[in-house]
């Protein structure tokens, strides 16, 4: 009896080490996915905030000499945090362009830099960056110190309530239209940000959302309960999902969908059912080892499964192991291509790189239809051909899927790490790479 604990102890230590390795890999994979999405989000927020001719640090330093770096604000204010050498916020910068480009002074819009002081919430200074207005009028405004410094009496909220029609701010003599155009552009820029912050869409829960959530619940029940033993029920559920999610609503998860959410926002207020479906597709395999979406919900996967049963087993193709390994690189290469298209803003519709858009027959692109048909024909001879060798979305769900104690650092983990590095490089140097491609 005294020897039993000593014999059991190494086994417990081994199990503990295996569990720790499995957990580490799980969080590594999810962290990689989240970081790549955050880099995509950061890049496109930066584009919306900065636009063309982005604010440079040197411009801000003319107003706040202690400025050391600029950090994009992801909120509806769409500005830049001004940080000192200790990374402490010492200001906040916005520009009127492109939001206020529709406001014309004398003969063109002016792009104005506005820098706020966080201590007083007032303007620390403004600077006319560029203008489509008459050069002499713009110079008159720049050289009028009284008018330029007048803005230092105003803070964010006061500008949002500014009544320019009553003459609260007067124009520069000889350049009235130019100066008042700049004033209206500044007020308009801040009011637009305030409206965006106050105009979040209301939460809408429709029958369609409830139906999609119902599919998620039913798929989990069929996967994790005794219902999975009722084969006719599983087939019936998949057929209903194929008809409803595929041909009726077209609510399929795809790279184009996730890319759009990463670029802008997750629309949980308006399409909560689709958001829940996406969460189930990612989180369930990550926590339970079961790829619920691909196995039981995905209409294209179901179509391949049903078609695969039409021919007898002797008609199936046997793919050589080396060819199979080569084909498995296709989803990874597509993911890399998608990252390049996103960051370099190459005019390619991401929906055209996958088969799912083909189910919306009225609006499907030719490329999507070709990919879908090719995948379905291939499934007659190779079970789930598109799922295994052509689907980047399914590859992501499979990547995050837990494998329990048998899990180990694999080639896909290494490739995912390289994708993160690629996303980091593109996030920082996309503009330079675009210039190289254009030249």
Protein backbone atom coordinates (compact mmCIF):
# COMPACT_ATOMS: atom_id res chain seq x y z
CA UNK A 1 0.00 0.00 0.00
CA UNK A 2 2.86 2.39 0.73
CA UNK A 3 4.33 1.86 -2.77
CA UNK A 4 1.11 2.86 -4.57
CA UNK A 5 1.43 6.62 -4.21
CA UNK A 6 5.01 6.49 -5.50
CA UNK A 7 3.87 4.58 -8.58
CA UNK A 8 0.93 6.91 -9.18
CA UNK A 9 2.91 10.15 -8.69
CA UNK A 10 4.87 10.01 -11.99
CA UNK A 11 1.61 9.34 -13.86
CA UNK A 12 -0.03 12.35 -12.23
CA UNK A 13 2.94 14.52 -13.06
CA UNK A 14 2.83 13.32 -16.65
CA UNK A 15 -0.90 14.05 -16.91
CA UNK A 16 -0.39 17.47 -15.36
CA UNK A 17 2.38 18.29 -17.83
CA UNK A 18 0.23 17.06 -20.73
CA UNK A 19 -2.70 19.18 -19.54
CA UNK A 20 -0.48 22.24 -19.18
CA UNK A 21 0.89 21.76 -22.71
CA UNK A 22 -2.64 21.39 -24.10
CA UNK A 23 -3.85 24.55 -22.36
CA UNK A 24 -0.79 26.49 -23.52
CA UNK A 25 -1.43 25.50 -27.14
CA UNK A 26 -5.12 26.38 -26.86
CA UNK A 27 -4.40 29.88 -25.63
CA UNK A 28 -1.53 30.29 -28.09
CA UNK A 29 -3.86 29.57 -31.01
CA UNK A 30 -6.67 31.79 -29.80
CA UNK A 31 -4.19 34.57 -29.01
CA UNK A 32 -2.77 34.39 -32.55
CA UNK A 33 -6.24 34.64 -34.07
CA UNK A 34 -7.24 37.58 -31.86
CA UNK A 35 -3.96 39.43 -32.48
CA UNK A 36 -4.29 39.11 -36.26
CA UNK A 37 -7.87 40.41 -36.11
CA UNK A 38 -6.73 43.30 -33.90
CA UNK A 39 -3.98 44.20 -36.37
CA UNK A 40 -6.53 44.28 -39.21
CA UNK A 41 -8.84 46.41 -37.10
CA UNK A 42 -6.04 48.78 -36.08
CA UNK A 43 -4.91 49.26 -39.67
CA UNK A 44 -8.35 50.18 -41.00
CA UNK A 45 -9.18 52.41 -38.03
CA UNK A 46 -5.89 54.20 -38.71
CA UNK A 47 -6.89 54.64 -42.35
CA UNK A 48 -10.26 56.11 -41.38
CA UNK A 49 -8.67 58.44 -38.84
CA UNK A 50 -5.68 59.49 -40.91
CA UNK A 51 -6.92 59.08 -44.47
CA UNK A 52 -4.68 60.54 -47.12
CA UNK A 53 -1.91 62.86 -45.94
CA UNK A 54 -1.90 61.49 -42.36
CA UNK A 55 -1.03 63.75 -39.43
CA UNK A 56 2.72 63.73 -38.85
CA UNK A 57 4.40 63.95 -35.46
CA UNK A 58 6.33 67.07 -36.49
CA UNK A 59 3.06 68.96 -37.06
CA UNK A 60 1.84 68.18 -33.57
CA UNK A 61 5.22 69.07 -32.05
CA UNK A 62 4.83 72.64 -33.34
CA UNK A 63 1.86 72.94 -30.98
CA UNK A 64 2.96 70.50 -28.24
CA UNK A 65 6.79 70.34 -28.27
CA UNK A 66 6.80 67.46 -25.76
CA UNK A 67 4.94 65.18 -28.18
CA UNK A 68 6.92 61.97 -28.76
CA UNK A 69 4.45 59.64 -30.50
CA UNK A 70 0.89 59.39 -31.83
CA UNK A 71 -1.55 56.59 -31.08
CA UNK A 72 -4.79 56.00 -32.95
CA UNK A 73 -8.01 56.34 -30.96
CA UNK A 74 -10.49 53.58 -31.95
CA UNK A 75 -13.49 55.45 -30.57
CA UNK A 76 -15.98 57.53 -32.56
CA UNK A 77 -13.85 60.62 -31.99
CA UNK A 78 -11.53 59.28 -34.70
CA UNK A 79 -8.46 61.13 -33.49
CA UNK A 80 -4.95 60.53 -32.22
CA UNK A 81 -3.68 60.38 -28.65
CA UNK A 82 -0.57 62.51 -28.30
CA UNK A 83 1.96 60.83 -26.00
CA UNK A 84 5.15 62.12 -24.43
CA UNK A 85 8.39 60.18 -24.04
CA UNK A 86 6.96 58.39 -20.98
CA UNK A 87 3.92 57.31 -23.06
CA UNK A 88 1.65 59.57 -21.02
CA UNK A 89 -1.13 61.36 -22.86
CA UNK A 90 -0.43 65.08 -23.20
CA UNK A 91 -2.87 65.91 -25.98
CA UNK A 92 -5.43 64.79 -28.51
CA UNK A 93 -5.24 65.58 -32.23
CA UNK A 94 -7.86 65.51 -34.99
CA UNK A 95 -8.05 66.80 -38.56
CA UNK A 96 -11.05 68.13 -40.43
CA UNK A 97 -10.33 66.14 -43.58
CA UNK A 98 -11.84 63.96 -44.94
CA UNK A 99 -14.95 64.30 -42.74
CA UNK A 100 -15.44 68.00 -43.53
CA UNK A 101 -14.20 68.05 -47.12
CA UNK A 102 -17.71 68.95 -48.28
CA UNK A 103 -17.47 72.36 -46.56
CA UNK A 104 -16.09 74.90 -49.01
CA UNK A 105 -14.68 78.27 -47.98
CA UNK A 106 -14.19 80.56 -50.95
CA UNK A 107 -13.35 78.00 -53.63
CA UNK A 108 -12.22 74.85 -51.81
CA UNK A 109 -12.02 72.94 -48.51
CA UNK A 110 -9.22 73.28 -45.96
CA UNK A 111 -7.68 70.46 -43.95
CA UNK A 112 -7.10 71.80 -40.43
CA UNK A 113 -5.22 70.18 -37.56
CA UNK A 114 -6.77 70.71 -34.12
CA UNK A 115 -4.83 69.71 -31.01
CA UNK A 116 -6.55 69.57 -27.61
CA UNK A 117 -4.96 69.72 -24.18
CA UNK A 118 -6.35 66.93 -21.94
CA UNK A 119 -5.66 68.96 -18.79
CA UNK A 120 -8.01 71.79 -19.76
CA UNK A 121 -10.05 70.03 -22.49
CA UNK A 122 -9.44 73.14 -24.56
CA UNK A 123 -7.72 73.59 -27.87
CA UNK A 124 -3.97 73.96 -27.51
CA UNK A 125 -3.64 75.16 -31.08
CA UNK A 126 -4.77 74.75 -34.68
CA UNK A 127 -2.85 74.60 -37.93
CA UNK A 128 -4.02 74.77 -41.53
CA UNK A 129 -2.38 71.71 -43.08
CA UNK A 130 -3.47 72.20 -46.67
CA UNK A 131 -6.22 73.93 -48.57
CA UNK A 132 -7.97 73.99 -51.90
CA UNK A 133 -8.86 77.62 -51.29
CA UNK A 134 -7.15 80.72 -52.68
CA UNK A 135 -3.55 80.82 -51.46
CA UNK A 136 -3.61 84.50 -50.50
CA UNK A 137 -6.78 84.03 -48.44
CA UNK A 138 -5.33 81.00 -46.65
CA UNK A 139 -2.14 82.94 -45.87
CA UNK A 140 -4.21 85.81 -44.47
CA UNK A 141 -5.90 83.39 -42.07
CA UNK A 142 -2.60 81.74 -41.07
CA UNK A 143 -1.02 85.09 -40.32
CA UNK A 144 -3.93 86.38 -38.26
CA UNK A 145 -2.70 85.44 -34.78
CA UNK A 146 -5.82 86.73 -33.06
CA UNK A 147 -8.13 84.46 -35.06
CA UNK A 148 -5.84 81.42 -34.81
CA UNK A 149 -5.42 81.87 -31.03
CA UNK A 150 -9.12 82.57 -30.51
CA UNK A 151 -9.78 78.83 -30.73
CA UNK A 152 -7.79 78.22 -27.53
CA UNK A 153 -10.81 79.48 -25.58
CA UNK A 154 -12.88 76.56 -26.83
CA UNK A 155 -13.10 72.94 -25.74
CA UNK A 156 -14.55 69.86 -27.46
CA UNK A 157 -18.08 70.18 -26.05
CA UNK A 158 -18.27 73.92 -26.55
CA UNK A 159 -17.29 73.60 -30.20
CA UNK A 160 -19.97 70.95 -30.69
CA UNK A 161 -22.53 73.54 -29.51
CA UNK A 162 -20.93 76.45 -31.38
CA UNK A 163 -23.43 78.81 -33.04
CA UNK A 164 -21.56 80.18 -36.02
CA UNK A 165 -24.70 81.60 -37.59
CA UNK A 166 -25.06 84.17 -34.80
CA UNK A 167 -21.51 85.41 -35.28
CA UNK A 168 -19.99 83.82 -32.18
CA UNK A 169 -16.77 83.59 -34.20
CA UNK A 170 -16.14 86.28 -36.80
CA UNK A 171 -14.22 85.79 -40.01
CA UNK A 172 -10.84 87.25 -40.88
CA UNK A 173 -11.16 90.54 -42.74
CA UNK A 174 -10.35 90.04 -46.41
CA UNK A 175 -10.61 86.25 -46.06
CA UNK A 176 -14.02 85.92 -44.45
CA UNK A 177 -15.28 83.02 -46.52
CA UNK A 178 -12.04 81.06 -46.15
CA UNK A 179 -11.82 81.56 -42.37
CA UNK A 180 -15.51 80.82 -41.80
CA UNK A 181 -15.19 77.74 -43.99
CA UNK A 182 -12.44 76.53 -41.65
CA UNK A 183 -14.59 77.36 -38.60
CA UNK A 184 -17.58 75.45 -40.00
CA UNK A 185 -15.30 72.51 -40.89
CA UNK A 186 -13.93 72.33 -37.33
CA UNK A 187 -17.43 72.44 -35.81
CA UNK A 188 -18.75 69.92 -38.33
CA UNK A 189 -15.86 67.50 -37.66
CA UNK A 190 -16.58 67.41 -33.93
CA UNK A 191 -20.36 67.26 -34.32
CA UNK A 192 -20.07 64.27 -36.64
CA UNK A 193 -18.02 62.42 -34.00
CA UNK A 194 -20.59 63.27 -31.33
CA UNK A 195 -23.45 62.08 -33.53
CA UNK A 196 -21.71 58.77 -34.18
CA UNK A 197 -21.21 58.26 -30.46
CA UNK A 198 -24.90 58.97 -29.79
CA UNK A 199 -26.39 57.12 -32.75
CA UNK A 200 -25.54 53.51 -31.99
CA UNK A 201 -28.20 51.38 -33.68
CA UNK A 202 -30.82 49.93 -31.33
CA UNK A 203 -30.67 46.26 -30.46
CA UNK A 204 -32.93 44.37 -32.87
CA UNK A 205 -33.80 40.72 -32.34
CA UNK A 206 -35.70 39.24 -35.26
CA UNK A 207 -37.25 35.88 -36.02
CA UNK A 208 -34.26 35.22 -38.27
CA UNK A 209 -31.86 35.71 -35.34
CA UNK A 210 -33.88 33.38 -33.14
CA UNK A 211 -33.90 30.78 -35.91
CA UNK A 212 -30.11 30.90 -36.36
CA UNK A 213 -29.58 30.62 -32.60
CA UNK A 214 -32.01 27.68 -32.67
CA UNK A 215 -29.79 26.00 -35.28
CA UNK A 216 -26.78 26.55 -33.00
CA UNK A 217 -28.54 24.99 -30.01
CA UNK A 218 -29.83 22.05 -32.06
CA UNK A 219 -26.38 21.42 -33.55
CA UNK A 220 -24.83 21.33 -30.07
CA UNK A 221 -27.53 18.93 -28.85
CA UNK A 222 -26.97 16.63 -31.82
CA UNK A 223 -23.22 16.76 -31.24
CA UNK A 224 -23.03 16.33 -27.46
CA UNK A 225 -26.11 14.31 -26.47
CA UNK A 226 -27.60 10.92 -27.35
CA UNK A 227 -29.38 12.56 -30.25
CA UNK A 228 -26.23 12.00 -32.29
CA UNK A 229 -27.15 8.30 -32.41
CA UNK A 230 -30.39 9.07 -34.26
CA UNK A 231 -28.98 9.12 -37.78
CA UNK A 232 -32.17 10.16 -39.56
CA UNK A 233 -32.49 13.17 -37.23
CA UNK A 234 -28.93 14.30 -38.00
CA UNK A 235 -29.56 14.01 -41.74
CA UNK A 236 -32.86 15.86 -41.47
CA UNK A 237 -31.26 18.67 -39.44
CA UNK A 238 -28.44 19.06 -41.96
CA UNK A 239 -30.91 19.14 -44.84
CA UNK A 240 -32.95 21.88 -43.14
CA UNK A 241 -29.75 23.86 -42.43
CA UNK A 242 -28.73 23.46 -46.08
CA UNK A 243 -32.05 24.83 -47.32
CA UNK A 244 -32.50 27.62 -44.75
CA UNK A 245 -28.96 28.87 -44.10
CA UNK A 246 -27.75 28.12 -47.62
CA UNK A 247 -30.41 28.88 -50.20
CA UNK A 248 -32.95 30.83 -48.13
CA UNK A 249 -30.92 33.34 -46.08
CA UNK A 250 -27.34 32.82 -47.28
CA UNK A 251 -26.07 33.20 -43.70
CA UNK A 252 -22.86 31.24 -44.08
CA UNK A 253 -19.65 32.03 -42.27
CA UNK A 254 -16.89 33.12 -44.61
CA UNK A 255 -13.60 35.01 -44.68
CA UNK A 256 -15.30 38.00 -46.30
CA UNK A 257 -17.68 38.21 -43.32
CA UNK A 258 -14.94 38.01 -40.69
CA UNK A 259 -12.76 40.46 -42.63
CA UNK A 260 -15.62 42.97 -42.72
CA UNK A 261 -16.20 42.64 -38.99
CA UNK A 262 -12.49 43.06 -38.29
CA UNK A 263 -12.31 46.19 -40.48
CA UNK A 264 -15.34 47.92 -38.99
CA UNK A 265 -17.17 46.33 -36.05
CA UNK A 266 -19.07 43.23 -34.97
CA UNK A 267 -22.75 44.09 -35.65
CA UNK A 268 -24.14 42.33 -32.59
CA UNK A 269 -26.98 44.84 -32.27
CA UNK A 270 -28.43 44.15 -35.71
CA UNK A 271 -27.47 40.56 -36.62
CA UNK A 272 -27.12 38.90 -33.23
CA UNK A 273 -28.01 35.47 -34.62
CA UNK A 274 -25.11 35.52 -37.07
CA UNK A 275 -22.74 36.72 -34.33
CA UNK A 276 -23.82 33.83 -32.09
CA UNK A 277 -23.28 31.42 -34.99
CA UNK A 278 -19.73 32.76 -35.46
CA UNK A 279 -19.04 32.49 -31.73
CA UNK A 280 -20.25 28.88 -31.69
CA UNK A 281 -18.11 28.04 -34.74
CA UNK A 282 -14.96 29.32 -33.01
CA UNK A 283 -15.48 28.74 -29.29
CA UNK A 284 -17.08 25.29 -29.31
CA UNK A 285 -14.18 23.52 -31.08
CA UNK A 286 -11.72 25.55 -29.00
CA UNK A 287 -13.25 24.31 -25.75
CA UNK A 288 -14.69 20.88 -26.59
CA UNK A 289 -12.71 19.43 -29.56
CA UNK A 290 -15.91 19.26 -31.64
CA UNK A 291 -16.13 21.31 -34.84
CA UNK A 292 -19.88 21.83 -34.60
CA UNK A 293 -20.25 24.27 -37.49
CA UNK A 294 -18.33 22.32 -40.11
CA UNK A 295 -19.74 18.95 -39.10
CA UNK A 296 -23.40 19.79 -38.62
CA UNK A 297 -24.31 23.31 -39.79
CA UNK A 298 -22.30 24.37 -42.84
CA UNK A 299 -24.56 24.01 -45.92
CA UNK A 300 -21.66 23.44 -48.29
CA UNK A 301 -20.28 20.70 -46.07
CA UNK A 302 -23.69 19.06 -46.01
CA UNK A 303 -24.04 19.27 -49.80
CA UNK A 304 -20.66 17.56 -50.20
CA UNK A 305 -21.62 14.86 -47.70
CA UNK A 306 -24.88 14.04 -49.49
CA UNK A 307 -23.23 14.01 -52.92
CA UNK A 308 -20.41 11.83 -51.64
CA UNK A 309 -22.92 9.06 -50.97
CA UNK A 310 -24.15 8.91 -54.55
CA UNK A 311 -21.21 6.84 -55.82
CA UNK A 312 -20.10 3.53 -54.33
CA UNK A 313 -16.88 3.27 -52.32
CA UNK A 314 -15.03 1.59 -55.20
CA UNK A 315 -15.46 4.74 -57.28
CA UNK A 316 -13.61 6.91 -54.77
CA UNK A 317 -10.16 8.21 -55.59
CA UNK A 318 -7.18 7.33 -53.47
CA UNK A 319 -4.90 10.33 -53.20
CA UNK A 320 -1.20 9.73 -52.72
CA UNK A 321 0.09 10.96 -49.33
CA UNK A 322 2.52 13.45 -50.91
CA UNK A 323 -0.22 14.96 -53.07
CA UNK A 324 -2.53 15.08 -50.08
CA UNK A 325 0.10 17.00 -48.09
CA UNK A 326 0.51 19.45 -50.97
CA UNK A 327 -3.24 19.99 -51.32
CA UNK A 328 -3.56 20.77 -47.60
CA UNK A 329 -1.45 23.89 -48.20
CA UNK A 330 -4.20 25.47 -50.33
CA UNK A 331 -6.30 26.86 -47.40
CA UNK A 332 -3.17 28.26 -45.74
CA UNK A 333 -2.07 29.94 -48.96
CA UNK A 334 -5.55 31.42 -49.36
CA UNK A 335 -5.42 32.84 -45.83
CA UNK A 336 -2.07 34.46 -46.62
CA UNK A 337 -3.52 35.84 -49.86
CA UNK A 338 -6.52 37.24 -47.97
CA UNK A 339 -4.22 39.06 -45.55
CA UNK A 340 -2.33 40.58 -48.49
CA UNK A 341 -5.58 41.65 -50.19
CA UNK A 342 -6.87 43.23 -46.98
CA UNK A 343 -3.81 45.22 -45.96
CA UNK A 344 -2.75 46.24 -49.47
CA UNK A 345 -6.37 47.06 -50.35
CA UNK A 346 -6.20 45.09 -53.57
CA UNK A 347 -9.57 45.42 -55.38
CA UNK A 348 -10.57 41.76 -55.06
CA UNK A 349 -13.87 40.63 -53.56
CA UNK A 350 -12.97 38.15 -50.80
CA UNK A 351 -16.26 36.36 -51.34
CA UNK A 352 -14.93 35.30 -54.75
CA UNK A 353 -12.20 33.23 -53.07
CA UNK A 354 -14.65 30.83 -51.40
CA UNK A 355 -17.63 28.74 -52.41
CA UNK A 356 -20.22 30.11 -49.99
CA UNK A 357 -21.41 33.13 -51.96
CA UNK A 358 -22.63 30.74 -54.68
CA UNK A 359 -25.66 29.80 -52.55
CA UNK A 360 -27.09 33.28 -53.09
CA UNK A 361 -27.84 32.51 -56.72
CA UNK A 362 -29.25 35.95 -57.54
CA UNK A 363 -26.06 37.78 -56.57
CA UNK A 364 -23.33 35.12 -56.70
CA UNK A 365 -20.10 35.91 -58.50
CA UNK A 366 -18.81 33.67 -61.26
CA UNK A 367 -15.68 32.74 -59.33
CA UNK A 368 -17.70 31.62 -56.29
CA UNK A 369 -19.98 29.50 -58.47
CA UNK A 370 -17.01 27.85 -60.19
CA UNK A 371 -15.34 27.08 -56.84
CA UNK A 372 -18.60 25.72 -55.38
CA UNK A 373 -19.37 23.52 -58.38
CA UNK A 374 -15.80 22.25 -58.57
CA UNK A 375 -15.88 21.39 -54.87
CA UNK A 376 -19.19 19.57 -55.18
CA UNK A 377 -18.05 17.56 -58.21
CA UNK A 378 -14.79 16.68 -56.42
CA UNK A 379 -16.78 15.47 -53.39
CA UNK A 380 -18.24 12.71 -55.56
CA UNK A 381 -14.79 11.12 -55.72
CA UNK A 382 -13.00 12.54 -52.65
CA UNK A 383 -15.05 12.77 -49.43
CA UNK A 384 -15.47 16.42 -48.27
CA UNK A 385 -12.88 17.51 -50.85
CA UNK A 386 -13.47 21.24 -50.49
CA UNK A 387 -13.57 21.06 -46.68
CA UNK A 388 -10.20 19.33 -46.52
CA UNK A 389 -8.33 20.98 -49.37
CA UNK A 390 -9.95 24.29 -50.25
CA UNK A 391 -11.75 26.03 -47.36
CA UNK A 392 -9.81 28.76 -45.52
CA UNK A 393 -12.71 29.44 -43.12
CA UNK A 394 -12.90 25.80 -42.09
CA UNK A 395 -9.11 25.74 -41.73
CA UNK A 396 -9.35 28.48 -39.09
CA UNK A 397 -12.03 26.60 -37.14
CA UNK A 398 -9.90 23.47 -37.33
CA UNK A 399 -6.80 25.39 -36.26
CA UNK A 400 -8.36 26.56 -32.99
CA UNK A 401 -9.90 23.15 -32.29
CA UNK A 402 -8.52 21.52 -29.17
CA UNK A 403 -7.04 18.01 -29.41
CA UNK A 404 -6.85 17.30 -25.70
CA UNK A 405 -3.86 15.63 -24.09
CA UNK A 406 -2.63 14.39 -27.48
CA UNK A 407 -2.16 17.96 -28.67
CA UNK A 408 1.29 19.12 -29.78
CA UNK A 409 2.94 22.04 -31.54
CA UNK A 410 2.35 21.32 -35.22
CA UNK A 411 3.17 22.79 -38.61
CA UNK A 412 -0.11 24.71 -38.58
CA UNK A 413 0.94 26.43 -35.34
CA UNK A 414 4.19 27.51 -36.98
CA UNK A 415 2.39 28.75 -40.09
CA UNK A 416 -0.09 30.69 -37.94
CA UNK A 417 2.83 32.34 -36.16
CA UNK A 418 4.23 33.36 -39.55
CA UNK A 419 0.81 34.81 -40.46
CA UNK A 420 0.97 36.95 -37.32
CA UNK A 421 4.40 38.24 -38.36
CA UNK A 422 3.05 38.91 -41.86
CA UNK A 423 0.11 40.85 -40.39
CA UNK A 424 2.46 42.89 -38.18
CA UNK A 425 4.66 43.79 -41.15
CA UNK A 426 1.68 44.69 -43.33
CA UNK A 427 0.12 46.72 -40.53
CA UNK A 428 3.21 48.92 -40.38
CA UNK A 429 4.43 48.99 -43.97
CA UNK A 430 1.35 48.48 -46.16
CA UNK A 431 1.54 52.01 -47.58
CA UNK A 432 5.19 51.58 -48.61
CA UNK A 433 4.45 48.20 -50.17
CA UNK A 434 1.57 49.73 -52.10
CA UNK A 435 3.89 52.36 -53.51
CA UNK A 436 6.35 49.66 -54.57
CA UNK A 437 3.59 47.73 -56.32
CA UNK A 438 2.34 50.85 -58.09
CA UNK A 439 5.84 51.69 -59.27
